[in-house]
Amino acid sequence: MANFTVHLAIAQEWARLHNKFYSDDFMYGAVAPDLLAKINNLQGNFHYGIATKDMPIVLQYKNKVDLHKYVMQNDINSDYDLGYFLHLVVDYYFFNVFLDLDKIAKLPFNFKQALYENYDATLPYVNSKYNVKYDCSYKELEYVKDRYANFVGGNFRCLLYDNAKLSQFIEDMAHIDLFELYETIKNGNSKEISYVR
C-alpha cells in the first residue's frame, strides 16, 4: 500500500482535478482497503489480489491488487466505491510501475523496513505540499488522523524514492480517468494501462 497520507492526498487532488466534491464517503473509500485490513487484523482480501505469505515479500506486494478481479465483482455506484477503486488503482501502480520491485529485490536491505521508513520520511512533505485533510465523519479515520496528521518525521531514510518522485506519482494518479479505466478493464481491452500523462 501507499501510506494513508498519500492515499488521502491523491484522493483530494483527484477530486479537485475532476471537479468532484470529495465527500466523506469518497475519502473513506480512498483508505478503506487498508483500514478494513487493520480493523480486521488483516483477515480478508480487501485488495482482491493473489498474494500469499509463502511468496517472497516483493511478489506479495506485486500481487496484492488485482484490478480486473475487483472490476468484475464490483460496480461504481457511489462515492465510496469510487474512492475504493482509486485506492486499488494507486496501490497497483505504486507496486507494479512506480517502484521497480525487481531491482529493489536485489538490493542489500530489508524491503519492508525500507518501505515503511520511506513512508515516514516523505510524510511531512506530503502533508505540507498537499495540505492533506484528515477530518471525516467516519470514526475509523480517527486512527489515521491521530497517527499521521501532525507527524513531524525523524531519522528515516528515502531508499526507494524521494519527495520529487513521490510528488510526480501523486500528480499522475490524480489525473487518471477512473471511469475510463474501469470501463476499459471491464470490457477486457487492456489489463495494464500506463498512468503517465
N, C-alpha and C. Protein backbone atom coordinates (compact mmCIF):
# COMPACT_ATOMS: atom_id res chain seq x y z
N MET A 1 0.83 -1.19 0.00
CA MET A 1 0.00 0.00 0.00
C MET A 1 0.87 1.24 0.00
N ALA A 2 0.44 2.25 -0.70
CA ALA A 2 0.98 3.58 -0.42
C ALA A 2 0.42 3.93 0.95
N ASN A 3 1.04 4.82 1.70
CA ASN A 3 0.53 5.06 3.05
C ASN A 3 -0.77 5.87 3.03
N PHE A 4 -1.42 5.93 4.20
CA PHE A 4 -2.72 6.60 4.30
C PHE A 4 -2.65 8.04 3.79
N THR A 5 -1.59 8.75 4.14
CA THR A 5 -1.48 10.15 3.76
C THR A 5 -1.39 10.31 2.25
N VAL A 6 -0.62 9.46 1.60
CA VAL A 6 -0.52 9.51 0.14
C VAL A 6 -1.88 9.22 -0.48
N HIS A 7 -2.59 8.23 0.04
CA HIS A 7 -3.93 7.92 -0.50
C HIS A 7 -4.87 9.12 -0.35
N LEU A 8 -4.83 9.78 0.80
CA LEU A 8 -5.71 10.94 1.00
C LEU A 8 -5.29 12.10 0.11
N ALA A 9 -4.00 12.33 -0.04
CA ALA A 9 -3.52 13.41 -0.91
C ALA A 9 -3.97 13.16 -2.35
N ILE A 10 -3.83 11.93 -2.82
CA ILE A 10 -4.26 11.61 -4.19
C ILE A 10 -5.76 11.78 -4.33
N ALA A 11 -6.52 11.34 -3.35
CA ALA A 11 -7.99 11.48 -3.42
C ALA A 11 -8.39 12.95 -3.48
N GLN A 12 -7.76 13.78 -2.66
CA GLN A 12 -8.07 15.21 -2.68
C GLN A 12 -7.70 15.83 -4.03
N GLU A 13 -6.52 15.49 -4.53
CA GLU A 13 -6.09 16.03 -5.82
C GLU A 13 -6.98 15.52 -6.95
N TRP A 14 -7.34 14.25 -6.89
CA TRP A 14 -8.21 13.68 -7.93
C TRP A 14 -9.54 14.43 -7.96
N ALA A 15 -10.12 14.62 -6.78
CA ALA A 15 -11.41 15.31 -6.70
C ALA A 15 -11.29 16.74 -7.24
N ARG A 16 -10.21 17.42 -6.89
CA ARG A 16 -10.01 18.79 -7.36
C ARG A 16 -9.86 18.84 -8.89
N LEU A 17 -9.05 17.98 -9.43
CA LEU A 17 -8.79 17.99 -10.87
C LEU A 17 -9.99 17.55 -11.70
N HIS A 18 -10.85 16.73 -11.12
CA HIS A 18 -12.01 16.21 -11.85
C HIS A 18 -13.30 16.91 -11.45
N ASN A 19 -13.15 18.06 -10.78
CA ASN A 19 -14.30 18.86 -10.36
C ASN A 19 -15.33 18.03 -9.62
N LYS A 20 -14.85 17.18 -8.74
CA LYS A 20 -15.73 16.29 -7.96
C LYS A 20 -15.66 16.71 -6.50
N PHE A 21 -16.79 16.91 -5.89
CA PHE A 21 -16.81 17.20 -4.47
C PHE A 21 -16.31 15.98 -3.72
N TYR A 22 -15.25 16.13 -2.94
CA TYR A 22 -14.75 14.95 -2.24
C TYR A 22 -15.49 14.79 -0.91
N SER A 23 -16.49 13.97 -0.99
CA SER A 23 -17.35 13.69 0.15
C SER A 23 -16.62 12.81 1.16
N ASP A 24 -17.18 12.71 2.35
CA ASP A 24 -16.63 11.81 3.36
C ASP A 24 -16.61 10.37 2.84
N ASP A 25 -17.64 10.00 2.09
CA ASP A 25 -17.70 8.63 1.55
C ASP A 25 -16.54 8.38 0.59
N PHE A 26 -16.23 9.34 -0.26
CA PHE A 26 -15.13 9.20 -1.21
C PHE A 26 -13.80 9.10 -0.47
N MET A 27 -13.58 9.97 0.51
CA MET A 27 -12.33 9.97 1.26
C MET A 27 -12.18 8.68 2.07
N TYR A 28 -13.27 8.21 2.65
CA TYR A 28 -13.20 6.96 3.41
C TYR A 28 -12.91 5.79 2.47
N GLY A 29 -13.56 5.77 1.32
CA GLY A 29 -13.29 4.72 0.34
C GLY A 29 -11.83 4.71 -0.09
N ALA A 30 -11.22 5.89 -0.16
CA ALA A 30 -9.84 6.01 -0.61
C ALA A 30 -8.83 5.39 0.36
N VAL A 31 -9.24 5.13 1.59
CA VAL A 31 -8.35 4.47 2.55
C VAL A 31 -8.95 3.17 3.08
N ALA A 32 -10.17 2.86 2.68
CA ALA A 32 -10.90 1.71 3.25
C ALA A 32 -10.16 0.38 3.14
N PRO A 33 -9.57 0.02 2.00
CA PRO A 33 -8.93 -1.30 1.95
C PRO A 33 -7.88 -1.51 3.05
N ASP A 34 -7.10 -0.48 3.32
CA ASP A 34 -6.08 -0.60 4.37
C ASP A 34 -6.70 -0.52 5.77
N LEU A 35 -7.68 0.36 5.93
CA LEU A 35 -8.34 0.46 7.25
C LEU A 35 -9.08 -0.81 7.59
N LEU A 36 -9.78 -1.37 6.62
CA LEU A 36 -10.52 -2.62 6.87
C LEU A 36 -9.55 -3.74 7.23
N ALA A 37 -8.40 -3.77 6.57
CA ALA A 37 -7.39 -4.78 6.89
C ALA A 37 -6.89 -4.57 8.32
N LYS A 38 -6.65 -3.32 8.71
CA LYS A 38 -6.16 -3.03 10.06
C LYS A 38 -7.22 -3.38 11.09
N ILE A 39 -8.44 -2.97 10.84
CA ILE A 39 -9.54 -3.24 11.79
C ILE A 39 -9.78 -4.73 11.93
N ASN A 40 -9.66 -5.47 10.85
CA ASN A 40 -9.91 -6.92 10.85
C ASN A 40 -8.64 -7.75 11.02
N ASN A 41 -7.58 -7.10 11.50
CA ASN A 41 -6.30 -7.79 11.71
C ASN A 41 -5.85 -8.56 10.47
N LEU A 42 -5.97 -7.91 9.32
CA LEU A 42 -5.52 -8.45 8.04
C LEU A 42 -6.29 -9.70 7.61
N GLN A 43 -7.47 -9.92 8.15
CA GLN A 43 -8.31 -11.05 7.74
C GLN A 43 -9.25 -10.59 6.63
N GLY A 44 -9.04 -11.07 5.45
CA GLY A 44 -9.89 -10.69 4.33
C GLY A 44 -9.03 -10.17 3.19
N ASN A 45 -9.53 -10.32 2.00
CA ASN A 45 -8.78 -9.89 0.82
C ASN A 45 -9.35 -8.57 0.34
N PHE A 46 -9.00 -7.51 1.01
CA PHE A 46 -9.56 -6.20 0.72
C PHE A 46 -8.95 -5.55 -0.51
N HIS A 47 -7.87 -6.15 -1.04
CA HIS A 47 -7.20 -5.63 -2.24
C HIS A 47 -7.41 -6.54 -3.45
N TYR A 48 -8.12 -7.64 -3.26
CA TYR A 48 -8.52 -8.55 -4.35
C TYR A 48 -7.36 -9.26 -5.03
N GLY A 49 -6.17 -9.22 -4.45
CA GLY A 49 -5.01 -9.83 -5.09
C GLY A 49 -4.85 -11.29 -4.74
N ILE A 50 -3.74 -11.85 -5.23
CA ILE A 50 -3.45 -13.26 -5.02
C ILE A 50 -2.20 -13.46 -4.16
N ALA A 51 -1.79 -12.43 -3.46
CA ALA A 51 -0.60 -12.53 -2.63
C ALA A 51 -0.82 -13.52 -1.50
N THR A 52 0.21 -14.32 -1.23
CA THR A 52 0.18 -15.26 -0.11
C THR A 52 1.46 -15.10 0.69
N LYS A 53 1.40 -15.48 1.96
CA LYS A 53 2.54 -15.33 2.86
C LYS A 53 3.75 -16.16 2.43
N ASP A 54 3.55 -17.21 1.66
CA ASP A 54 4.68 -18.04 1.25
C ASP A 54 5.43 -17.46 0.05
N MET A 55 4.91 -16.39 -0.55
CA MET A 55 5.61 -15.73 -1.65
C MET A 55 6.74 -14.86 -1.08
N PRO A 56 7.81 -14.65 -1.85
CA PRO A 56 8.80 -13.64 -1.44
C PRO A 56 8.10 -12.30 -1.27
N ILE A 57 8.61 -11.48 -0.36
CA ILE A 57 7.93 -10.24 0.01
C ILE A 57 7.65 -9.34 -1.19
N VAL A 58 8.58 -9.27 -2.13
CA VAL A 58 8.39 -8.43 -3.31
C VAL A 58 7.21 -8.93 -4.13
N LEU A 59 7.09 -10.24 -4.29
CA LEU A 59 5.95 -10.80 -5.03
C LEU A 59 4.64 -10.58 -4.29
N GLN A 60 4.69 -10.60 -2.97
CA GLN A 60 3.47 -10.32 -2.19
C GLN A 60 2.93 -8.94 -2.54
N TYR A 61 3.82 -7.96 -2.61
CA TYR A 61 3.38 -6.60 -2.93
C TYR A 61 2.94 -6.48 -4.39
N LYS A 62 3.66 -7.10 -5.30
CA LYS A 62 3.30 -7.03 -6.72
C LYS A 62 1.93 -7.67 -6.99
N ASN A 63 1.58 -8.67 -6.19
CA ASN A 63 0.33 -9.41 -6.41
C ASN A 63 -0.77 -9.05 -5.42
N LYS A 64 -0.57 -7.97 -4.70
CA LYS A 64 -1.54 -7.58 -3.67
C LYS A 64 -2.87 -7.11 -4.26
N VAL A 65 -2.82 -6.46 -5.44
CA VAL A 65 -4.02 -5.89 -6.05
C VAL A 65 -4.29 -6.57 -7.39
N ASP A 66 -5.55 -6.95 -7.60
CA ASP A 66 -5.99 -7.45 -8.89
C ASP A 66 -7.15 -6.56 -9.34
N LEU A 67 -6.84 -5.57 -10.17
CA LEU A 67 -7.87 -4.63 -10.63
C LEU A 67 -8.96 -5.33 -11.44
N HIS A 68 -8.57 -6.28 -12.25
CA HIS A 68 -9.55 -7.00 -13.06
C HIS A 68 -10.55 -7.73 -12.17
N LYS A 69 -10.07 -8.41 -11.17
CA LYS A 69 -10.96 -9.14 -10.26
C LYS A 69 -11.92 -8.18 -9.56
N TYR A 70 -11.38 -7.04 -9.10
CA TYR A 70 -12.24 -6.06 -8.43
C TYR A 70 -13.34 -5.57 -9.37
N VAL A 71 -12.95 -5.19 -10.58
CA VAL A 71 -13.92 -4.64 -11.55
C VAL A 71 -14.99 -5.68 -11.90
N MET A 72 -14.60 -6.94 -12.04
CA MET A 72 -15.56 -7.98 -12.39
C MET A 72 -16.56 -8.25 -11.25
N GLN A 73 -16.17 -7.92 -10.02
CA GLN A 73 -17.03 -8.21 -8.87
C GLN A 73 -17.75 -6.99 -8.31
N ASN A 74 -17.42 -5.80 -8.80
CA ASN A 74 -17.97 -4.58 -8.21
C ASN A 74 -18.34 -3.55 -9.26
N ASP A 75 -19.34 -2.77 -8.95
CA ASP A 75 -19.72 -1.62 -9.76
C ASP A 75 -19.28 -0.36 -9.01
N ILE A 76 -19.26 0.75 -9.72
CA ILE A 76 -19.01 2.04 -9.07
C ILE A 76 -20.34 2.78 -9.03
N ASN A 77 -21.03 2.62 -7.92
CA ASN A 77 -22.36 3.21 -7.76
C ASN A 77 -22.41 4.32 -6.72
N SER A 78 -21.28 4.59 -6.09
CA SER A 78 -21.28 5.59 -5.02
C SER A 78 -19.91 6.23 -4.91
N ASP A 79 -19.83 7.31 -4.15
CA ASP A 79 -18.54 7.94 -3.88
C ASP A 79 -17.60 6.98 -3.16
N TYR A 80 -18.15 6.18 -2.26
CA TYR A 80 -17.33 5.20 -1.55
C TYR A 80 -16.71 4.21 -2.54
N ASP A 81 -17.51 3.69 -3.47
CA ASP A 81 -17.00 2.76 -4.48
C ASP A 81 -15.88 3.40 -5.31
N LEU A 82 -16.08 4.65 -5.67
CA LEU A 82 -15.10 5.35 -6.48
C LEU A 82 -13.80 5.53 -5.70
N GLY A 83 -13.90 5.90 -4.44
CA GLY A 83 -12.72 6.04 -3.59
C GLY A 83 -12.00 4.72 -3.40
N TYR A 84 -12.76 3.65 -3.22
CA TYR A 84 -12.18 2.31 -3.04
C TYR A 84 -11.41 1.90 -4.30
N PHE A 85 -12.02 2.13 -5.46
CA PHE A 85 -11.36 1.81 -6.72
C PHE A 85 -10.09 2.63 -6.88
N LEU A 86 -10.14 3.92 -6.55
CA LEU A 86 -8.95 4.77 -6.61
C LEU A 86 -7.85 4.19 -5.74
N HIS A 87 -8.18 3.75 -4.55
CA HIS A 87 -7.18 3.16 -3.66
C HIS A 87 -6.49 1.97 -4.32
N LEU A 88 -7.27 1.09 -4.91
CA LEU A 88 -6.70 -0.10 -5.55
C LEU A 88 -5.84 0.27 -6.74
N VAL A 89 -6.28 1.25 -7.53
CA VAL A 89 -5.50 1.70 -8.68
C VAL A 89 -4.16 2.26 -8.20
N VAL A 90 -4.20 3.08 -7.17
CA VAL A 90 -2.96 3.66 -6.62
C VAL A 90 -2.02 2.56 -6.15
N ASP A 91 -2.52 1.61 -5.38
CA ASP A 91 -1.66 0.53 -4.89
C ASP A 91 -1.10 -0.31 -6.04
N TYR A 92 -1.94 -0.59 -7.02
CA TYR A 92 -1.47 -1.39 -8.15
C TYR A 92 -0.29 -0.69 -8.84
N TYR A 93 -0.46 0.57 -9.18
CA TYR A 93 0.59 1.29 -9.88
C TYR A 93 1.80 1.58 -8.99
N PHE A 94 1.56 1.76 -7.70
CA PHE A 94 2.66 2.02 -6.76
C PHE A 94 3.64 0.83 -6.77
N PHE A 95 3.09 -0.38 -6.70
CA PHE A 95 3.95 -1.55 -6.59
C PHE A 95 4.31 -2.20 -7.93
N ASN A 96 3.60 -1.89 -8.98
CA ASN A 96 3.88 -2.53 -10.27
C ASN A 96 4.50 -1.60 -11.31
N VAL A 97 4.46 -0.30 -11.07
CA VAL A 97 5.02 0.66 -12.02
C VAL A 97 5.96 1.64 -11.32
N PHE A 98 5.49 2.31 -10.27
CA PHE A 98 6.26 3.34 -9.59
C PHE A 98 7.54 2.78 -8.99
N LEU A 99 7.43 1.74 -8.19
CA LEU A 99 8.61 1.09 -7.62
C LEU A 99 9.10 0.02 -8.58
N ASP A 100 10.39 -0.05 -8.76
CA ASP A 100 10.98 -1.12 -9.58
C ASP A 100 11.31 -2.27 -8.64
N LEU A 101 10.30 -3.09 -8.36
CA LEU A 101 10.47 -4.13 -7.35
C LEU A 101 11.49 -5.19 -7.75
N ASP A 102 11.63 -5.45 -9.02
CA ASP A 102 12.63 -6.43 -9.45
C ASP A 102 14.04 -5.94 -9.11
N LYS A 103 14.27 -4.65 -9.32
CA LYS A 103 15.57 -4.06 -8.97
C LYS A 103 15.73 -3.99 -7.45
N ILE A 104 14.68 -3.58 -6.78
CA ILE A 104 14.72 -3.45 -5.33
C ILE A 104 15.02 -4.78 -4.66
N ALA A 105 14.48 -5.86 -5.21
CA ALA A 105 14.68 -7.18 -4.62
C ALA A 105 16.16 -7.58 -4.56
N LYS A 106 16.97 -6.98 -5.41
CA LYS A 106 18.39 -7.31 -5.46
C LYS A 106 19.23 -6.43 -4.54
N LEU A 107 18.62 -5.42 -3.93
CA LEU A 107 19.37 -4.51 -3.08
C LEU A 107 19.59 -5.11 -1.69
N PRO A 108 20.68 -4.71 -1.02
CA PRO A 108 21.06 -5.33 0.25
C PRO A 108 20.38 -4.72 1.48
N PHE A 109 19.07 -4.63 1.47
CA PHE A 109 18.37 -4.18 2.67
C PHE A 109 17.00 -4.83 2.74
N ASN A 110 16.38 -4.75 3.90
CA ASN A 110 15.06 -5.31 4.13
C ASN A 110 14.02 -4.42 3.45
N PHE A 111 13.36 -4.96 2.44
CA PHE A 111 12.42 -4.16 1.65
C PHE A 111 11.30 -3.57 2.49
N LYS A 112 10.67 -4.39 3.30
CA LYS A 112 9.52 -3.90 4.08
C LYS A 112 9.94 -2.79 5.03
N GLN A 113 11.08 -2.96 5.69
CA GLN A 113 11.57 -1.92 6.60
C GLN A 113 11.89 -0.64 5.82
N ALA A 114 12.55 -0.79 4.67
CA ALA A 114 12.88 0.37 3.85
C ALA A 114 11.61 1.08 3.36
N LEU A 115 10.60 0.31 3.01
CA LEU A 115 9.34 0.88 2.53
C LEU A 115 8.69 1.74 3.62
N TYR A 116 8.60 1.20 4.83
CA TYR A 116 7.95 1.95 5.90
C TYR A 116 8.79 3.14 6.35
N GLU A 117 10.11 3.03 6.29
CA GLU A 117 10.95 4.20 6.57
C GLU A 117 10.73 5.27 5.52
N ASN A 118 10.62 4.86 4.27
CA ASN A 118 10.38 5.82 3.19
C ASN A 118 9.03 6.51 3.37
N TYR A 119 8.02 5.75 3.78
CA TYR A 119 6.72 6.36 4.07
C TYR A 119 6.88 7.47 5.10
N ASP A 120 7.55 7.15 6.21
CA ASP A 120 7.70 8.12 7.29
C ASP A 120 8.58 9.29 6.89
N ALA A 121 9.60 9.05 6.07
CA ALA A 121 10.49 10.12 5.64
C ALA A 121 9.78 11.13 4.75
N THR A 122 8.84 10.67 3.94
CA THR A 122 8.16 11.57 3.00
C THR A 122 6.84 12.13 3.53
N LEU A 123 6.38 11.61 4.65
CA LEU A 123 5.07 12.01 5.17
C LEU A 123 4.94 13.50 5.47
N PRO A 124 5.89 14.13 6.18
CA PRO A 124 5.73 15.58 6.44
C PRO A 124 5.67 16.39 5.15
N TYR A 125 6.44 16.00 4.15
CA TYR A 125 6.42 16.69 2.85
C TYR A 125 5.04 16.60 2.21
N VAL A 126 4.46 15.40 2.19
CA VAL A 126 3.14 15.21 1.56
C VAL A 126 2.08 16.00 2.32
N ASN A 127 2.10 15.94 3.65
CA ASN A 127 1.14 16.70 4.45
C ASN A 127 1.21 18.18 4.12
N SER A 128 2.43 18.71 4.02
CA SER A 128 2.61 20.13 3.78
C SER A 128 2.27 20.51 2.35
N LYS A 129 2.83 19.80 1.37
CA LYS A 129 2.63 20.16 -0.04
C LYS A 129 1.17 20.07 -0.45
N TYR A 130 0.46 19.04 0.03
CA TYR A 130 -0.92 18.82 -0.41
C TYR A 130 -1.96 19.24 0.62
N ASN A 131 -1.49 19.80 1.74
CA ASN A 131 -2.42 20.25 2.78
C ASN A 131 -3.48 19.18 3.04
N VAL A 132 -3.02 17.99 3.36
CA VAL A 132 -3.90 16.82 3.49
C VAL A 132 -4.93 17.04 4.59
N LYS A 133 -6.18 16.77 4.24
CA LYS A 133 -7.30 16.90 5.18
C LYS A 133 -7.61 15.52 5.78
N TYR A 134 -7.71 15.46 7.08
CA TYR A 134 -7.98 14.20 7.76
C TYR A 134 -9.36 14.17 8.40
N ASP A 135 -10.06 15.29 8.37
CA ASP A 135 -11.37 15.35 9.01
C ASP A 135 -12.41 14.63 8.17
N CYS A 136 -13.17 13.79 8.84
CA CYS A 136 -14.17 12.98 8.16
C CYS A 136 -15.15 12.47 9.21
N SER A 137 -16.38 12.27 8.82
CA SER A 137 -17.39 11.81 9.77
C SER A 137 -17.21 10.34 10.17
N TYR A 138 -16.41 9.59 9.42
CA TYR A 138 -16.18 8.19 9.76
C TYR A 138 -15.21 8.08 10.93
N LYS A 139 -15.66 7.50 12.02
CA LYS A 139 -14.82 7.42 13.21
C LYS A 139 -13.56 6.60 12.98
N GLU A 140 -13.59 5.67 12.03
CA GLU A 140 -12.41 4.85 11.75
C GLU A 140 -11.23 5.69 11.27
N LEU A 141 -11.52 6.85 10.68
CA LEU A 141 -10.45 7.71 10.20
C LEU A 141 -9.73 8.45 11.33
N GLU A 142 -10.26 8.37 12.54
CA GLU A 142 -9.55 8.97 13.68
C GLU A 142 -8.18 8.34 13.86
N TYR A 143 -8.08 7.04 13.61
CA TYR A 143 -6.79 6.35 13.69
C TYR A 143 -5.79 7.01 12.74
N VAL A 144 -6.22 7.28 11.53
CA VAL A 144 -5.35 7.87 10.51
C VAL A 144 -4.96 9.28 10.94
N LYS A 145 -5.93 10.06 11.37
CA LYS A 145 -5.66 11.43 11.80
C LYS A 145 -4.69 11.46 12.97
N ASP A 146 -4.93 10.63 13.97
CA ASP A 146 -4.07 10.60 15.16
C ASP A 146 -2.64 10.21 14.81
N ARG A 147 -2.48 9.29 13.88
CA ARG A 147 -1.15 8.77 13.55
C ARG A 147 -0.39 9.67 12.58
N TYR A 148 -1.10 10.32 11.64
CA TYR A 148 -0.40 10.97 10.52
C TYR A 148 -0.56 12.48 10.40
N ALA A 149 -1.60 13.06 10.94
CA ALA A 149 -1.88 14.49 10.69
C ALA A 149 -0.75 15.41 11.14
N ASN A 150 -0.16 15.14 12.28
CA ASN A 150 0.88 16.02 12.82
C ASN A 150 2.24 15.35 12.88
N PHE A 151 2.44 14.36 12.04
CA PHE A 151 3.70 13.61 12.02
C PHE A 151 4.82 14.53 11.55
N VAL A 152 5.89 14.63 12.35
CA VAL A 152 6.97 15.54 12.01
C VAL A 152 8.21 14.84 11.46
N GLY A 153 8.20 13.55 11.48
CA GLY A 153 9.34 12.83 10.90
C GLY A 153 10.39 12.48 11.93
N GLY A 154 11.55 12.15 11.44
CA GLY A 154 12.64 11.73 12.30
C GLY A 154 13.81 11.33 11.44
N ASN A 155 14.56 10.39 11.90
CA ASN A 155 15.74 9.93 11.16
C ASN A 155 15.38 8.75 10.25
N PHE A 156 14.57 9.02 9.28
CA PHE A 156 14.14 7.99 8.34
C PHE A 156 14.83 8.21 7.00
N ARG A 157 15.11 7.13 6.30
CA ARG A 157 15.83 7.21 5.02
C ARG A 157 14.90 7.01 3.84
N CYS A 158 15.21 7.70 2.75
CA CYS A 158 14.50 7.52 1.49
C CYS A 158 15.34 6.61 0.60
N LEU A 159 15.22 5.32 0.78
CA LEU A 159 15.99 4.37 0.00
C LEU A 159 15.29 4.00 -1.31
N LEU A 160 13.99 4.16 -1.38
CA LEU A 160 13.23 3.68 -2.53
C LEU A 160 12.78 4.78 -3.48
N TYR A 161 12.51 5.96 -2.96
CA TYR A 161 12.07 7.11 -3.77
C TYR A 161 12.23 8.37 -2.94
N ASP A 162 12.26 9.51 -3.62
CA ASP A 162 12.38 10.77 -2.91
C ASP A 162 11.08 11.59 -3.04
N ASN A 163 11.07 12.75 -2.41
CA ASN A 163 9.87 13.59 -2.42
C ASN A 163 9.44 13.98 -3.83
N ALA A 164 10.40 14.33 -4.67
CA ALA A 164 10.06 14.76 -6.03
C ALA A 164 9.42 13.63 -6.83
N LYS A 165 9.97 12.45 -6.72
CA LYS A 165 9.40 11.30 -7.44
C LYS A 165 8.01 10.97 -6.91
N LEU A 166 7.84 11.02 -5.59
CA LEU A 166 6.53 10.75 -5.00
C LEU A 166 5.52 11.80 -5.43
N SER A 167 5.93 13.06 -5.47
CA SER A 167 5.03 14.13 -5.89
C SER A 167 4.57 13.91 -7.33
N GLN A 168 5.47 13.48 -8.20
CA GLN A 168 5.10 13.20 -9.59
C GLN A 168 4.09 12.05 -9.64
N PHE A 169 4.30 11.03 -8.80
CA PHE A 169 3.36 9.91 -8.75
C PHE A 169 1.98 10.38 -8.30
N ILE A 170 1.93 11.22 -7.27
CA ILE A 170 0.65 11.74 -6.77
C ILE A 170 -0.06 12.52 -7.89
N GLU A 171 0.68 13.36 -8.58
CA GLU A 171 0.08 14.14 -9.67
C GLU A 171 -0.42 13.22 -10.79
N ASP A 172 0.38 12.23 -11.15
CA ASP A 172 -0.03 11.30 -12.21
C ASP A 172 -1.29 10.53 -11.81
N MET A 173 -1.34 10.06 -10.59
CA MET A 173 -2.51 9.30 -10.12
C MET A 173 -3.75 10.19 -10.09
N ALA A 174 -3.57 11.45 -9.74
CA ALA A 174 -4.71 12.37 -9.67
C ALA A 174 -5.30 12.66 -11.05
N HIS A 175 -4.53 12.44 -12.09
CA HIS A 175 -5.00 12.71 -13.45
C HIS A 175 -5.70 11.51 -14.11
N ILE A 176 -5.65 10.36 -13.49
CA ILE A 176 -6.27 9.18 -14.09
C ILE A 176 -7.78 9.36 -14.21
N ASP A 177 -8.31 9.00 -15.35
CA ASP A 177 -9.76 8.97 -15.53
C ASP A 177 -10.24 7.61 -15.01
N LEU A 178 -10.71 7.59 -13.79
CA LEU A 178 -11.10 6.33 -13.15
C LEU A 178 -12.25 5.64 -13.87
N PHE A 179 -13.18 6.41 -14.39
CA PHE A 179 -14.32 5.82 -15.07
C PHE A 179 -13.89 5.15 -16.38
N GLU A 180 -13.00 5.82 -17.09
CA GLU A 180 -12.49 5.24 -18.33
C GLU A 180 -11.67 3.98 -18.03
N LEU A 181 -10.84 4.04 -17.01
CA LEU A 181 -10.03 2.87 -16.64
C LEU A 181 -10.93 1.71 -16.24
N TYR A 182 -11.95 2.00 -15.44
CA TYR A 182 -12.89 0.97 -15.01
C TYR A 182 -13.54 0.31 -16.23
N GLU A 183 -14.04 1.12 -17.16
CA GLU A 183 -14.70 0.57 -18.35
C GLU A 183 -13.73 -0.20 -19.24
N THR A 184 -12.52 0.28 -19.36
CA THR A 184 -11.51 -0.40 -20.16
C THR A 184 -11.23 -1.79 -19.60
N ILE A 185 -11.08 -1.87 -18.28
CA ILE A 185 -10.83 -3.17 -17.64
C ILE A 185 -12.07 -4.05 -17.77
N LYS A 186 -13.23 -3.48 -17.54
CA LYS A 186 -14.49 -4.24 -17.62
C LYS A 186 -14.69 -4.85 -19.01
N ASN A 187 -14.33 -4.10 -20.04
CA ASN A 187 -14.51 -4.57 -21.41
C ASN A 187 -13.37 -5.44 -21.89
N GLY A 188 -12.38 -5.67 -21.04
CA GLY A 188 -11.28 -6.56 -21.38
C GLY A 188 -10.34 -6.02 -22.44
N ASN A 189 -10.33 -4.69 -22.63
CA ASN A 189 -9.47 -4.12 -23.67
C ASN A 189 -8.01 -4.07 -23.28
N SER A 190 -7.73 -4.03 -21.98
CA SER A 190 -6.35 -3.96 -21.54
C SER A 190 -6.28 -4.34 -20.08
N LYS A 191 -5.27 -5.10 -19.72
CA LYS A 191 -5.08 -5.43 -18.30
C LYS A 191 -4.15 -4.44 -17.64
N GLU A 192 -3.37 -3.73 -18.42
CA GLU A 192 -2.44 -2.77 -17.85
C GLU A 192 -2.44 -1.51 -18.68
N ILE A 193 -2.65 -0.38 -18.04
CA ILE A 193 -2.70 0.90 -18.71
C ILE A 193 -1.71 1.81 -18.02
N SER A 194 -0.85 2.44 -18.78
CA SER A 194 0.14 3.33 -18.18
C SER A 194 -0.57 4.53 -17.56
N TYR A 195 -0.08 4.96 -16.40
CA TYR A 195 -0.69 6.12 -15.75
C TYR A 195 -0.06 7.42 -16.19
N VAL A 196 1.02 7.36 -16.94
CA VAL A 196 1.75 8.56 -17.31
C VAL A 196 0.91 9.41 -18.26
N ARG A 197 0.82 10.70 -17.95
CA ARG A 197 0.03 11.62 -18.79
C ARG A 197 0.73 11.88 -20.10
